[in-house]
Amino acid sequence: MKKVLIGGFLGLIGSIWAIVLMLHVQNNLVSSWYGSRFWASAGELGMTLPLIAALAAVVLGMVILGISFFSKD
């Protein structure tokens, strides 16, 4: 039960965090870019590392939930 709470909390907080960061980047897009406009804007705003950390928290939460789902406790 403890793993489910930890995984759920990480997944929820990480997804809210990622959504907020993505909305911030989306509202402040750069006018000239090379490659992906979203990631160029995130780099200009200094949001690349926090966005990757938020997505890592979501993935970690889902992995913990998956492990607790398939474990035989």
Protein backbone atom coordinates (compact mmCIF):
# COMPACT_ATOMS: atom_id res chain seq x y z
CA MET A 1 0.00 0.00 0.00
CA LYS A 2 2.90 2.33 0.76
CA LYS A 3 4.34 1.88 -2.75
CA VAL A 4 0.96 2.68 -4.29
CA LEU A 5 0.73 5.94 -2.37
CA ILE A 6 4.29 6.94 -3.26
CA GLY A 7 3.82 6.07 -6.93
CA GLY A 8 0.47 7.80 -7.13
CA PHE A 9 1.80 10.91 -5.43
CA LEU A 10 4.85 11.08 -7.72
CA GLY A 11 2.73 10.53 -10.80
CA LEU A 12 0.16 13.16 -9.81
CA ILE A 13 2.62 15.84 -8.74
CA GLY A 14 4.88 15.16 -11.72
CA SER A 15 2.02 15.42 -14.19
CA ILE A 16 0.70 18.67 -12.69
CA TRP A 17 4.25 20.06 -12.65
CA ALA A 18 4.83 19.06 -16.29
CA ILE A 19 1.50 20.54 -17.42
CA VAL A 20 2.24 23.87 -15.73
CA LEU A 21 5.72 24.03 -17.28
CA MET A 22 4.40 23.08 -20.72
CA LEU A 23 1.72 25.77 -20.55
CA HIS A 24 4.34 28.34 -19.54
CA VAL A 25 6.59 27.40 -22.45
CA GLN A 26 3.63 27.30 -24.86
CA ASN A 27 2.60 30.84 -23.90
CA ASN A 28 6.16 32.19 -24.42
CA LEU A 29 7.24 30.70 -27.76
CA VAL A 30 10.35 32.03 -29.49
CA SER A 31 10.04 33.69 -32.89
CA SER A 32 13.07 32.05 -34.54
CA TRP A 33 14.19 28.50 -33.88
CA TYR A 34 15.99 25.50 -35.30
CA GLY A 35 14.42 22.06 -34.88
CA SER A 36 11.53 21.77 -32.45
CA ARG A 37 9.96 25.11 -31.55
CA PHE A 38 8.75 23.84 -28.18
CA TRP A 39 12.18 22.64 -27.05
CA ALA A 40 13.85 25.78 -28.43
CA SER A 41 11.43 27.86 -26.36
CA ALA A 42 12.02 25.71 -23.30
CA GLY A 43 15.77 26.19 -23.73
CA GLU A 44 15.42 29.95 -24.07
CA LEU A 45 13.29 30.13 -20.93
CA GLY A 46 15.59 27.82 -18.97
CA MET A 47 12.82 25.25 -18.52
CA THR A 48 14.49 22.27 -20.16
CA LEU A 49 15.89 20.72 -16.98
CA PRO A 50 12.75 21.28 -14.84
CA LEU A 51 10.59 19.87 -17.64
CA ILE A 52 12.76 16.77 -17.95
CA ALA A 53 12.67 16.37 -14.14
CA ALA A 54 8.87 16.62 -14.14
CA LEU A 55 8.57 14.02 -16.88
CA ALA A 56 11.02 11.79 -15.00
CA ALA A 57 8.83 12.09 -11.88
CA VAL A 58 5.81 10.97 -13.91
CA VAL A 59 7.70 8.01 -15.35
CA LEU A 60 9.10 7.06 -11.93
CA GLY A 61 5.63 7.20 -10.39
CA MET A 62 4.23 4.97 -13.13
CA VAL A 63 7.10 2.50 -12.72
CA ILE A 64 6.51 2.31 -8.96
CA LEU A 65 2.80 1.78 -9.55
CA GLY A 66 3.56 -0.93 -12.12
CA ILE A 67 5.94 -2.71 -9.75
CA SER A 68 3.41 -2.61 -6.92
CA PHE A 69 0.67 -3.84 -9.26
CA PHE A 70 2.62 -6.90 -10.37
CA SER A 71 4.21 -7.78 -7.02
CA LYS A 72 2.82 -10.71 -5.03
CA ASP A 73 2.36 -9.23 -1.54
